[in-house]
Amino acid sequence: CSAAMHAVSRIMKRDARFYFANLGADVMRCINAVEIGDEIRYKNSLARAYRTLSFMRGAQCPEAHEEGLLLLRGVQLGKEDGVLVSQKGSFAKLFSRTDYLTKELMKGVNEKV
């Protein structure tokens, strides 16, 4: 691989981490809104999360984008089932490991470069 390809790979990793961390903040906003019973804030936070997810797709990290879609679907199902707030700690722990998640998601991208 050339130096230019390695530079592109580093940029993609940074972008994926950045957007995944932002997605984590959006998800935590969703959970906090549900916790205080603010449906408008929940919907706004969820819309923001989907907007963040669209940026992730633009960062050419399809694996992270797919994981983000699954994550947001889990948030919606958790809210519908009334268990979202009880999982707040698990979500916080998940997002504190963003570097690890991004490395795992980027393995396929790095192999393609």
C-alpha atoms as a PDB file:
ATOM      1  CA  CYS A   1       0.000   0.000   0.000  1.00  0.00           C
ATOM      2  CA  SER A   2       1.199   3.467  -0.759  1.00  0.00           C
ATOM      3  CA  ALA A   3       1.659   6.255   1.778  1.00  0.00           C
ATOM      4  CA  ALA A   4      -1.370   8.029   0.306  1.00  0.00           C
ATOM      5  CA  MET A   5      -3.562   4.964   0.926  1.00  0.00           C
ATOM      6  CA  HIS A   6      -2.364   4.775   4.530  1.00  0.00           C
ATOM      7  CA  ALA A   7      -3.199   8.469   4.970  1.00  0.00           C
ATOM      8  CA  VAL A   8      -6.706   7.865   3.598  1.00  0.00           C
ATOM      9  CA  SER A   9      -7.095   4.890   5.925  1.00  0.00           C
ATOM     10  CA  ARG A  10      -6.097   7.011   8.954  1.00  0.00           C
ATOM     11  CA  ILE A  11      -8.588   9.727   7.945  1.00  0.00           C
ATOM     12  CA  MET A  12     -11.395   7.183   7.576  1.00  0.00           C
ATOM     13  CA  LYS A  13     -10.614   5.763  11.022  1.00  0.00           C
ATOM     14  CA  ARG A  14     -10.657   9.217  12.576  1.00  0.00           C
ATOM     15  CA  ASP A  15     -13.926  10.059  10.874  1.00  0.00           C
ATOM     16  CA  ALA A  16     -15.523   6.783  11.937  1.00  0.00           C
ATOM     17  CA  ARG A  17     -14.458   7.330  15.564  1.00  0.00           C
ATOM     18  CA  PHE A  18     -15.660  10.906  15.482  1.00  0.00           C
ATOM     19  CA  TYR A  19     -19.071  10.059  14.068  1.00  0.00           C
ATOM     20  CA  PHE A  20     -19.508   6.991  16.262  1.00  0.00           C
ATOM     21  CA  ALA A  21     -18.726   9.083  19.345  1.00  0.00           C
ATOM     22  CA  ASN A  22     -21.260  11.671  18.189  1.00  0.00           C
ATOM     23  CA  LEU A  23     -23.787   8.916  17.610  1.00  0.00           C
ATOM     24  CA  GLY A  24     -23.148   7.776  21.170  1.00  0.00           C
ATOM     25  CA  ALA A  25     -23.879  11.262  22.483  1.00  0.00           C
ATOM     26  CA  ASP A  26     -27.074  11.356  20.418  1.00  0.00           C
ATOM     27  CA  VAL A  27     -28.165   7.983  21.813  1.00  0.00           C
ATOM     28  CA  MET A  28     -27.490   9.139  25.372  1.00  0.00           C
ATOM     29  CA  ARG A  29     -29.606  12.246  24.680  1.00  0.00           C
ATOM     30  CA  CYS A  30     -32.408   9.935  23.540  1.00  0.00           C
ATOM     31  CA  ILE A  31     -32.155   7.896  26.728  1.00  0.00           C
ATOM     32  CA  ASN A  32     -32.058  10.988  28.934  1.00  0.00           C
ATOM     33  CA  ALA A  33     -35.142  12.368  27.183  1.00  0.00           C
ATOM     34  CA  VAL A  34     -37.036   9.118  27.756  1.00  0.00           C
ATOM     35  CA  GLU A  35     -35.888   9.112  31.379  1.00  0.00           C
ATOM     36  CA  ILE A  36     -37.467  12.531  32.023  1.00  0.00           C
ATOM     37  CA  GLY A  37     -40.507  11.825  29.852  1.00  0.00           C
ATOM     38  CA  ASP A  38     -39.744  14.457  27.198  1.00  0.00           C
ATOM     39  CA  GLU A  39     -41.082  13.000  23.937  1.00  0.00           C
ATOM     40  CA  ILE A  40     -40.189  16.065  21.860  1.00  0.00           C
ATOM     41  CA  ARG A  41     -36.586  15.971  23.057  1.00  0.00           C
ATOM     42  CA  TYR A  42     -36.486  12.227  22.351  1.00  0.00           C
ATOM     43  CA  LYS A  43     -37.705  12.699  18.770  1.00  0.00           C
ATOM     44  CA  ASN A  44     -35.291  15.577  18.180  1.00  0.00           C
ATOM     45  CA  SER A  45     -32.391  13.538  19.581  1.00  0.00           C
ATOM     46  CA  LEU A  46     -33.328  10.531  17.469  1.00  0.00           C
ATOM     47  CA  ALA A  47     -33.486  12.724  14.356  1.00  0.00           C
ATOM     48  CA  ARG A  48     -30.061  14.085  15.239  1.00  0.00           C
ATOM     49  CA  ALA A  49     -28.761  10.522  15.648  1.00  0.00           C
ATOM     50  CA  TYR A  50     -29.995   9.597  12.181  1.00  0.00           C
ATOM     51  CA  ARG A  51     -28.366  12.749  10.782  1.00  0.00           C
ATOM     52  CA  THR A  52     -25.082  11.732  12.441  1.00  0.00           C
ATOM     53  CA  LEU A  53     -25.508   8.278  10.947  1.00  0.00           C
ATOM     54  CA  SER A  54     -25.846   9.779   7.467  1.00  0.00           C
ATOM     55  CA  PHE A  55     -22.471  11.488   7.948  1.00  0.00           C
ATOM     56  CA  MET A  56     -21.002   8.132   8.932  1.00  0.00           C
ATOM     57  CA  ARG A  57     -22.139   6.694   5.617  1.00  0.00           C
ATOM     58  CA  GLY A  58     -20.353   9.565   3.876  1.00  0.00           C
ATOM     59  CA  ALA A  59     -17.162   8.676   5.759  1.00  0.00           C
ATOM     60  CA  GLN A  60     -17.081   5.468   3.707  1.00  0.00           C
ATOM     61  CA  CYS A  61     -17.367   3.207   6.681  1.00  0.00           C
ATOM     62  CA  PRO A  62     -20.287   0.922   5.767  1.00  0.00           C
ATOM     63  CA  GLU A  63     -19.665  -1.423   8.698  1.00  0.00           C
ATOM     64  CA  ALA A  64     -19.950   1.419  11.217  1.00  0.00           C
ATOM     65  CA  HIS A  65     -23.023   2.721   9.421  1.00  0.00           C
ATOM     66  CA  GLU A  66     -24.719  -0.692   9.614  1.00  0.00           C
ATOM     67  CA  GLU A  67     -23.831  -1.034  13.305  1.00  0.00           C
ATOM     68  CA  GLY A  68     -25.253   2.432  13.895  1.00  0.00           C
ATOM     69  CA  LEU A  69     -28.511   1.488  12.173  1.00  0.00           C
ATOM     70  CA  LEU A  70     -28.805  -1.578  14.386  1.00  0.00           C
ATOM     71  CA  LEU A  71     -28.026   0.495  17.442  1.00  0.00           C
ATOM     72  CA  LEU A  72     -30.710   3.074  16.677  1.00  0.00           C
ATOM     73  CA  ARG A  73     -33.245   0.339  16.001  1.00  0.00           C
ATOM     74  CA  GLY A  74     -32.348  -1.099  19.409  1.00  0.00           C
ATOM     75  CA  VAL A  75     -32.930   2.304  20.995  1.00  0.00           C
ATOM     76  CA  GLN A  76     -36.362   2.527  19.402  1.00  0.00           C
ATOM     77  CA  LEU A  77     -37.311  -1.012  20.422  1.00  0.00           C
ATOM     78  CA  GLY A  78     -35.995  -0.459  23.943  1.00  0.00           C
ATOM     79  CA  LYS A  79     -38.168   2.641  24.253  1.00  0.00           C
ATOM     80  CA  GLU A  80     -41.230   0.803  22.946  1.00  0.00           C
ATOM     81  CA  ASP A  81     -40.636  -2.072  25.377  1.00  0.00           C
ATOM     82  CA  GLY A  82     -39.976   0.261  28.312  1.00  0.00           C
ATOM     83  CA  VAL A  83     -36.459  -1.038  28.979  1.00  0.00           C
ATOM     84  CA  LEU A  84     -34.346   1.697  27.391  1.00  0.00           C
ATOM     85  CA  VAL A  85     -33.652   3.690  30.559  1.00  0.00           C
ATOM     86  CA  SER A  86     -32.685   0.550  32.474  1.00  0.00           C
ATOM     87  CA  GLN A  87     -29.981  -0.050  29.860  1.00  0.00           C
ATOM     88  CA  LYS A  88     -28.461   3.437  30.187  1.00  0.00           C
ATOM     89  CA  GLY A  89     -25.334   2.130  31.935  1.00  0.00           C
ATOM     90  CA  SER A  90     -24.768  -0.477  29.232  1.00  0.00           C
ATOM     91  CA  PHE A  91     -24.986   2.154  26.514  1.00  0.00           C
ATOM     92  CA  ALA A  92     -22.592   4.428  28.405  1.00  0.00           C
ATOM     93  CA  LYS A  93     -20.115   1.549  28.754  1.00  0.00           C
ATOM     94  CA  LEU A  94     -20.457   0.721  25.067  1.00  0.00           C
ATOM     95  CA  PHE A  95     -19.702   4.255  23.973  1.00  0.00           C
ATOM     96  CA  SER A  96     -16.772   4.577  26.326  1.00  0.00           C
ATOM     97  CA  ARG A  97     -15.175   1.860  24.193  1.00  0.00           C
ATOM     98  CA  THR A  98     -15.544   3.753  20.894  1.00  0.00           C
ATOM     99  CA  ASP A  99     -11.862   3.308  19.953  1.00  0.00           C
ATOM    100  CA  TYR A 100     -12.170  -0.446  20.333  1.00  0.00           C
ATOM    101  CA  LEU A 101     -15.408  -0.575  18.348  1.00  0.00           C
ATOM    102  CA  THR A 102     -13.981   1.511  15.548  1.00  0.00           C
ATOM    103  CA  LYS A 103     -10.900  -0.698  15.281  1.00  0.00           C
ATOM    104  CA  GLU A 104     -13.128  -3.753  14.970  1.00  0.00           C
ATOM    105  CA  LEU A 105     -15.395  -2.101  12.403  1.00  0.00           C
ATOM    106  CA  MET A 106     -12.456  -0.814  10.372  1.00  0.00           C
ATOM    107  CA  LYS A 107     -10.721  -4.204  10.012  1.00  0.00           C
ATOM    108  CA  GLY A 108     -12.542  -4.901   6.759  1.00  0.00           C
ATOM    109  CA  VAL A 109     -11.800  -1.427   5.399  1.00  0.00           C
ATOM    110  CA  ASN A 110      -8.097  -1.755   6.192  1.00  0.00           C
ATOM    111  CA  GLU A 111      -7.949  -5.131   4.485  1.00  0.00           C
ATOM    112  CA  LYS A 112      -9.443  -3.623   1.308  1.00  0.00           C
ATOM    113  CA  VAL A 113      -6.847  -0.796   1.178  1.00  0.00           C
END
